[in-house]
Amino acid sequence: ERDIFGERFVNEVRYSDRENIFVLVEDKILIDIGKDICVKIDDWEDMDISNEEIAKEINNLVADSSFEVVQRNDNLITFIRYQSIAELCPSKIDKLSKLIDKVSVDD
């Protein structure tokens, strides 16, 4: 049986979403977030920028502008970034590794 594009990604994200942030978000929108991460990872210079942009995108989808559902340091951000790369664009694992290495060096 063949996987549908993004199916495993969606399942993993939903399983890890203990706060039910994505409960009302359609699968297609989750996949769009993941694909956006795959595109933007080429431009991110560090994890802080990455975290801010992912948090902003999620918050735009699931909340009005006066309420932030996720903060840039939430574990969900780290998880969705990793799952996006691992499941939707595994050819960019090296880019993710470089971001992670940069954090290790900066600490």
N, C-alpha and C. Protein backbone atom coordinates (compact mmCIF):
# COMPACT_ATOMS: atom_id res chain seq x y z
N GLU A 1 0.85 -1.19 0.00
CA GLU A 1 0.00 0.00 0.00
C GLU A 1 0.89 1.25 0.00
N ARG A 2 0.60 2.15 -0.91
CA ARG A 2 1.39 3.38 -1.04
C ARG A 2 0.90 4.48 -0.12
N ASP A 3 1.84 5.23 0.42
CA ASP A 3 1.47 6.39 1.24
C ASP A 3 1.00 7.53 0.35
N ILE A 4 0.00 8.23 0.81
CA ILE A 4 -0.43 9.46 0.16
C ILE A 4 0.53 10.54 0.63
N PHE A 5 0.92 11.46 -0.30
CA PHE A 5 1.89 12.50 0.06
C PHE A 5 1.43 13.25 1.31
N GLY A 6 2.29 13.27 2.29
CA GLY A 6 2.02 14.03 3.51
C GLY A 6 1.22 13.30 4.57
N GLU A 7 0.73 12.11 4.25
CA GLU A 7 -0.13 11.40 5.19
C GLU A 7 0.59 11.09 6.51
N ARG A 8 1.80 10.57 6.42
CA ARG A 8 2.55 10.26 7.63
C ARG A 8 2.89 11.54 8.40
N PHE A 9 3.26 12.59 7.68
CA PHE A 9 3.54 13.88 8.30
C PHE A 9 2.34 14.36 9.11
N VAL A 10 1.17 14.36 8.50
CA VAL A 10 -0.06 14.81 9.18
C VAL A 10 -0.33 13.95 10.41
N ASN A 11 -0.22 12.63 10.25
CA ASN A 11 -0.48 11.73 11.38
C ASN A 11 0.47 12.00 12.54
N GLU A 12 1.76 12.18 12.25
CA GLU A 12 2.75 12.43 13.29
C GLU A 12 2.49 13.77 13.99
N VAL A 13 2.16 14.80 13.21
CA VAL A 13 1.90 16.12 13.80
C VAL A 13 0.66 16.05 14.68
N ARG A 14 -0.40 15.43 14.19
CA ARG A 14 -1.63 15.33 14.99
C ARG A 14 -1.38 14.54 16.28
N TYR A 15 -0.61 13.48 16.18
CA TYR A 15 -0.31 12.66 17.36
C TYR A 15 0.47 13.46 18.40
N SER A 16 1.37 14.30 17.95
CA SER A 16 2.21 15.07 18.88
C SER A 16 1.53 16.33 19.41
N ASP A 17 0.39 16.67 18.86
CA ASP A 17 -0.32 17.91 19.20
C ASP A 17 -1.15 17.72 20.47
N ARG A 18 -0.47 17.67 21.60
CA ARG A 18 -1.15 17.41 22.88
C ARG A 18 -2.08 18.54 23.31
N GLU A 19 -1.83 19.74 22.82
CA GLU A 19 -2.66 20.89 23.17
C GLU A 19 -3.85 21.05 22.23
N ASN A 20 -3.96 20.16 21.25
CA ASN A 20 -5.04 20.21 20.24
C ASN A 20 -5.08 21.53 19.47
N ILE A 21 -3.90 22.08 19.22
CA ILE A 21 -3.80 23.33 18.47
C ILE A 21 -4.30 23.16 17.05
N PHE A 22 -4.03 21.99 16.46
CA PHE A 22 -4.37 21.76 15.05
C PHE A 22 -5.68 21.01 14.86
N VAL A 23 -6.46 20.86 15.91
CA VAL A 23 -7.66 20.03 15.82
C VAL A 23 -8.62 20.51 14.72
N LEU A 24 -8.72 21.80 14.50
CA LEU A 24 -9.63 22.32 13.48
C LEU A 24 -8.94 22.65 12.16
N VAL A 25 -7.65 22.37 12.08
CA VAL A 25 -6.88 22.69 10.87
C VAL A 25 -6.94 21.49 9.92
N GLU A 26 -7.32 21.75 8.69
CA GLU A 26 -7.42 20.69 7.69
C GLU A 26 -6.05 20.11 7.37
N ASP A 27 -6.04 18.84 6.97
CA ASP A 27 -4.79 18.17 6.61
C ASP A 27 -4.02 18.94 5.55
N LYS A 28 -4.72 19.45 4.56
CA LYS A 28 -4.06 20.18 3.47
C LYS A 28 -3.31 21.40 4.00
N ILE A 29 -3.89 22.08 4.98
CA ILE A 29 -3.23 23.27 5.55
C ILE A 29 -1.98 22.85 6.33
N LEU A 30 -2.06 21.75 7.07
CA LEU A 30 -0.87 21.25 7.77
C LEU A 30 0.24 20.93 6.77
N ILE A 31 -0.13 20.29 5.68
CA ILE A 31 0.86 19.96 4.64
C ILE A 31 1.43 21.24 4.04
N ASP A 32 0.59 22.25 3.86
CA ASP A 32 1.07 23.54 3.34
C ASP A 32 2.09 24.17 4.29
N ILE A 33 1.85 24.08 5.60
CA ILE A 33 2.82 24.58 6.58
C ILE A 33 4.14 23.83 6.41
N GLY A 34 4.04 22.52 6.30
CA GLY A 34 5.24 21.70 6.13
C GLY A 34 5.99 22.04 4.86
N LYS A 35 5.26 22.22 3.77
CA LYS A 35 5.91 22.56 2.49
C LYS A 35 6.56 23.94 2.58
N ASP A 36 5.92 24.85 3.28
CA ASP A 36 6.48 26.19 3.47
C ASP A 36 7.80 26.11 4.25
N ILE A 37 7.83 25.26 5.26
CA ILE A 37 9.07 25.05 6.02
C ILE A 37 10.16 24.52 5.09
N CYS A 38 9.79 23.60 4.21
CA CYS A 38 10.76 23.03 3.26
C CYS A 38 11.35 24.10 2.35
N VAL A 39 10.55 25.08 1.97
CA VAL A 39 11.04 26.16 1.10
C VAL A 39 11.90 27.14 1.91
N LYS A 40 11.40 27.53 3.08
CA LYS A 40 12.07 28.58 3.85
C LYS A 40 13.35 28.14 4.53
N ILE A 41 13.54 26.84 4.73
CA ILE A 41 14.74 26.39 5.44
C ILE A 41 16.01 26.83 4.72
N ASP A 42 15.93 27.03 3.41
CA ASP A 42 17.09 27.49 2.65
C ASP A 42 17.53 28.89 3.06
N ASP A 43 16.61 29.69 3.59
CA ASP A 43 16.90 31.08 3.93
C ASP A 43 17.17 31.32 5.42
N TRP A 44 16.80 30.37 6.26
CA TRP A 44 16.97 30.58 7.69
C TRP A 44 18.44 30.52 8.08
N GLU A 45 18.86 31.54 8.81
CA GLU A 45 20.25 31.61 9.25
C GLU A 45 20.45 31.03 10.64
N ASP A 46 19.37 30.96 11.42
CA ASP A 46 19.49 30.35 12.74
C ASP A 46 18.12 29.87 13.22
N MET A 47 18.14 29.14 14.32
CA MET A 47 16.92 28.54 14.86
C MET A 47 15.93 29.59 15.34
N ASP A 48 16.42 30.70 15.89
CA ASP A 48 15.51 31.74 16.37
C ASP A 48 14.63 32.27 15.24
N ILE A 49 15.24 32.55 14.11
CA ILE A 49 14.47 33.03 12.95
C ILE A 49 13.48 31.96 12.52
N SER A 50 13.95 30.74 12.45
CA SER A 50 13.09 29.62 12.07
C SER A 50 11.91 29.49 13.03
N ASN A 51 12.19 29.51 14.33
CA ASN A 51 11.13 29.37 15.33
C ASN A 51 10.10 30.49 15.22
N GLU A 52 10.58 31.72 15.04
CA GLU A 52 9.66 32.86 14.93
C GLU A 52 8.76 32.72 13.71
N GLU A 53 9.33 32.36 12.58
CA GLU A 53 8.54 32.26 11.35
C GLU A 53 7.53 31.12 11.42
N ILE A 54 7.93 29.98 11.97
CA ILE A 54 7.00 28.86 12.09
C ILE A 54 5.88 29.21 13.06
N ALA A 55 6.22 29.81 14.20
CA ALA A 55 5.19 30.20 15.18
C ALA A 55 4.21 31.19 14.56
N LYS A 56 4.74 32.16 13.82
CA LYS A 56 3.89 33.16 13.18
C LYS A 56 2.92 32.50 12.20
N GLU A 57 3.42 31.58 11.41
CA GLU A 57 2.58 30.90 10.43
C GLU A 57 1.47 30.09 11.11
N ILE A 58 1.83 29.35 12.15
CA ILE A 58 0.83 28.56 12.88
C ILE A 58 -0.19 29.48 13.52
N ASN A 59 0.26 30.53 14.17
CA ASN A 59 -0.65 31.45 14.84
C ASN A 59 -1.59 32.14 13.86
N ASN A 60 -1.10 32.46 12.67
CA ASN A 60 -1.96 33.07 11.65
C ASN A 60 -3.07 32.12 11.23
N LEU A 61 -2.79 30.84 11.26
CA LEU A 61 -3.78 29.86 10.83
C LEU A 61 -4.82 29.55 11.90
N VAL A 62 -4.40 29.52 13.15
CA VAL A 62 -5.28 28.98 14.18
C VAL A 62 -5.80 29.98 15.20
N ALA A 63 -5.43 31.23 15.08
CA ALA A 63 -5.87 32.20 16.09
C ALA A 63 -6.02 33.59 15.49
N ASP A 64 -6.75 34.44 16.21
CA ASP A 64 -6.80 35.83 15.75
C ASP A 64 -5.53 36.54 16.22
N SER A 65 -5.31 37.73 15.75
CA SER A 65 -4.03 38.40 15.98
C SER A 65 -3.80 38.81 17.43
N SER A 66 -4.82 38.78 18.27
CA SER A 66 -4.64 39.21 19.66
C SER A 66 -4.25 38.05 20.58
N PHE A 67 -4.10 36.86 20.04
CA PHE A 67 -3.82 35.69 20.87
C PHE A 67 -2.79 34.80 20.20
N GLU A 68 -1.71 34.52 20.90
CA GLU A 68 -0.69 33.63 20.35
C GLU A 68 -0.85 32.24 20.92
N VAL A 69 -1.12 31.30 20.04
CA VAL A 69 -1.31 29.92 20.46
C VAL A 69 0.02 29.27 20.78
N VAL A 70 0.99 29.46 19.92
CA VAL A 70 2.31 28.87 20.15
C VAL A 70 3.35 29.97 20.29
N GLN A 71 4.30 29.72 21.13
CA GLN A 71 5.43 30.62 21.30
C GLN A 71 6.59 30.06 20.49
N ARG A 72 7.56 30.90 20.23
CA ARG A 72 8.65 30.47 19.36
C ARG A 72 9.54 29.40 19.98
N ASN A 73 9.41 29.16 21.28
CA ASN A 73 10.22 28.13 21.92
C ASN A 73 9.43 26.86 22.24
N ASP A 74 8.21 26.77 21.77
CA ASP A 74 7.39 25.59 22.03
C ASP A 74 7.97 24.35 21.36
N ASN A 75 7.84 23.22 22.03
CA ASN A 75 8.31 21.96 21.47
C ASN A 75 7.62 21.62 20.16
N LEU A 76 6.38 22.04 20.01
CA LEU A 76 5.64 21.76 18.78
C LEU A 76 6.35 22.36 17.56
N ILE A 77 6.97 23.51 17.73
CA ILE A 77 7.71 24.15 16.63
C ILE A 77 8.87 23.26 16.20
N THR A 78 9.64 22.81 17.18
CA THR A 78 10.77 21.94 16.89
C THR A 78 10.30 20.68 16.19
N PHE A 79 9.21 20.11 16.68
CA PHE A 79 8.70 18.86 16.12
C PHE A 79 8.21 19.05 14.69
N ILE A 80 7.41 20.09 14.45
CA ILE A 80 6.85 20.27 13.11
C ILE A 80 7.96 20.61 12.11
N ARG A 81 8.98 21.32 12.54
CA ARG A 81 10.11 21.61 11.64
C ARG A 81 10.79 20.30 11.25
N TYR A 82 11.10 19.48 12.25
CA TYR A 82 11.77 18.20 11.98
C TYR A 82 10.91 17.31 11.09
N GLN A 83 9.63 17.16 11.44
CA GLN A 83 8.75 16.28 10.66
C GLN A 83 8.59 16.78 9.23
N SER A 84 8.51 18.09 9.06
CA SER A 84 8.38 18.65 7.71
C SER A 84 9.56 18.22 6.85
N ILE A 85 10.76 18.40 7.39
CA ILE A 85 11.96 18.07 6.63
C ILE A 85 12.06 16.56 6.43
N ALA A 86 11.86 15.79 7.48
CA ALA A 86 12.02 14.34 7.40
C ALA A 86 11.00 13.69 6.48
N GLU A 87 9.76 14.17 6.49
CA GLU A 87 8.70 13.51 5.73
C GLU A 87 8.42 14.15 4.37
N LEU A 88 8.55 15.47 4.27
CA LEU A 88 8.13 16.15 3.04
C LEU A 88 9.30 16.52 2.13
N CYS A 89 10.47 16.74 2.70
CA CYS A 89 11.63 17.12 1.86
C CYS A 89 12.92 16.59 2.48
N PRO A 90 13.05 15.27 2.55
CA PRO A 90 14.22 14.68 3.20
C PRO A 90 15.55 15.08 2.56
N SER A 91 15.51 15.57 1.35
CA SER A 91 16.76 16.02 0.70
C SER A 91 17.34 17.25 1.40
N LYS A 92 16.56 17.87 2.29
CA LYS A 92 17.04 19.07 2.98
C LYS A 92 17.47 18.79 4.42
N ILE A 93 17.63 17.53 4.76
CA ILE A 93 18.09 17.16 6.10
C ILE A 93 19.42 17.85 6.42
N ASP A 94 20.28 17.98 5.42
CA ASP A 94 21.58 18.63 5.65
C ASP A 94 21.41 20.08 6.10
N LYS A 95 20.41 20.77 5.56
CA LYS A 95 20.14 22.16 5.98
C LYS A 95 19.72 22.20 7.45
N LEU A 96 18.85 21.26 7.82
CA LEU A 96 18.41 21.18 9.22
C LEU A 96 19.60 20.86 10.13
N SER A 97 20.44 19.95 9.69
CA SER A 97 21.64 19.60 10.48
C SER A 97 22.52 20.82 10.70
N LYS A 98 22.66 21.65 9.68
CA LYS A 98 23.49 22.85 9.81
C LYS A 98 22.90 23.83 10.83
N LEU A 99 21.56 23.96 10.82
CA LEU A 99 20.92 24.83 11.82
C LEU A 99 21.15 24.29 13.23
N ILE A 100 21.01 22.98 13.37
CA ILE A 100 21.20 22.35 14.68
C ILE A 100 22.66 22.51 15.13
N ASP A 101 23.59 22.28 14.21
CA ASP A 101 25.01 22.43 14.54
C ASP A 101 25.33 23.86 14.97
N LYS A 102 24.71 24.82 14.31
CA LYS A 102 24.95 26.22 14.64
C LYS A 102 24.51 26.52 16.07
N VAL A 103 23.38 25.94 16.48
CA VAL A 103 22.90 26.12 17.86
C VAL A 103 23.92 25.54 18.83
N SER A 104 24.45 24.36 18.52
CA SER A 104 25.44 23.70 19.38
C SER A 104 26.70 24.54 19.52
N VAL A 105 27.13 25.15 18.44
CA VAL A 105 28.34 25.98 18.45
C VAL A 105 28.10 27.27 19.24
N ASP A 106 26.90 27.84 19.07
CA ASP A 106 26.58 29.11 19.73
C ASP A 106 26.38 28.98 21.23
N ASP A 107 26.04 27.78 21.69
CA ASP A 107 25.78 27.58 23.13
C ASP A 107 26.98 27.62 23.97
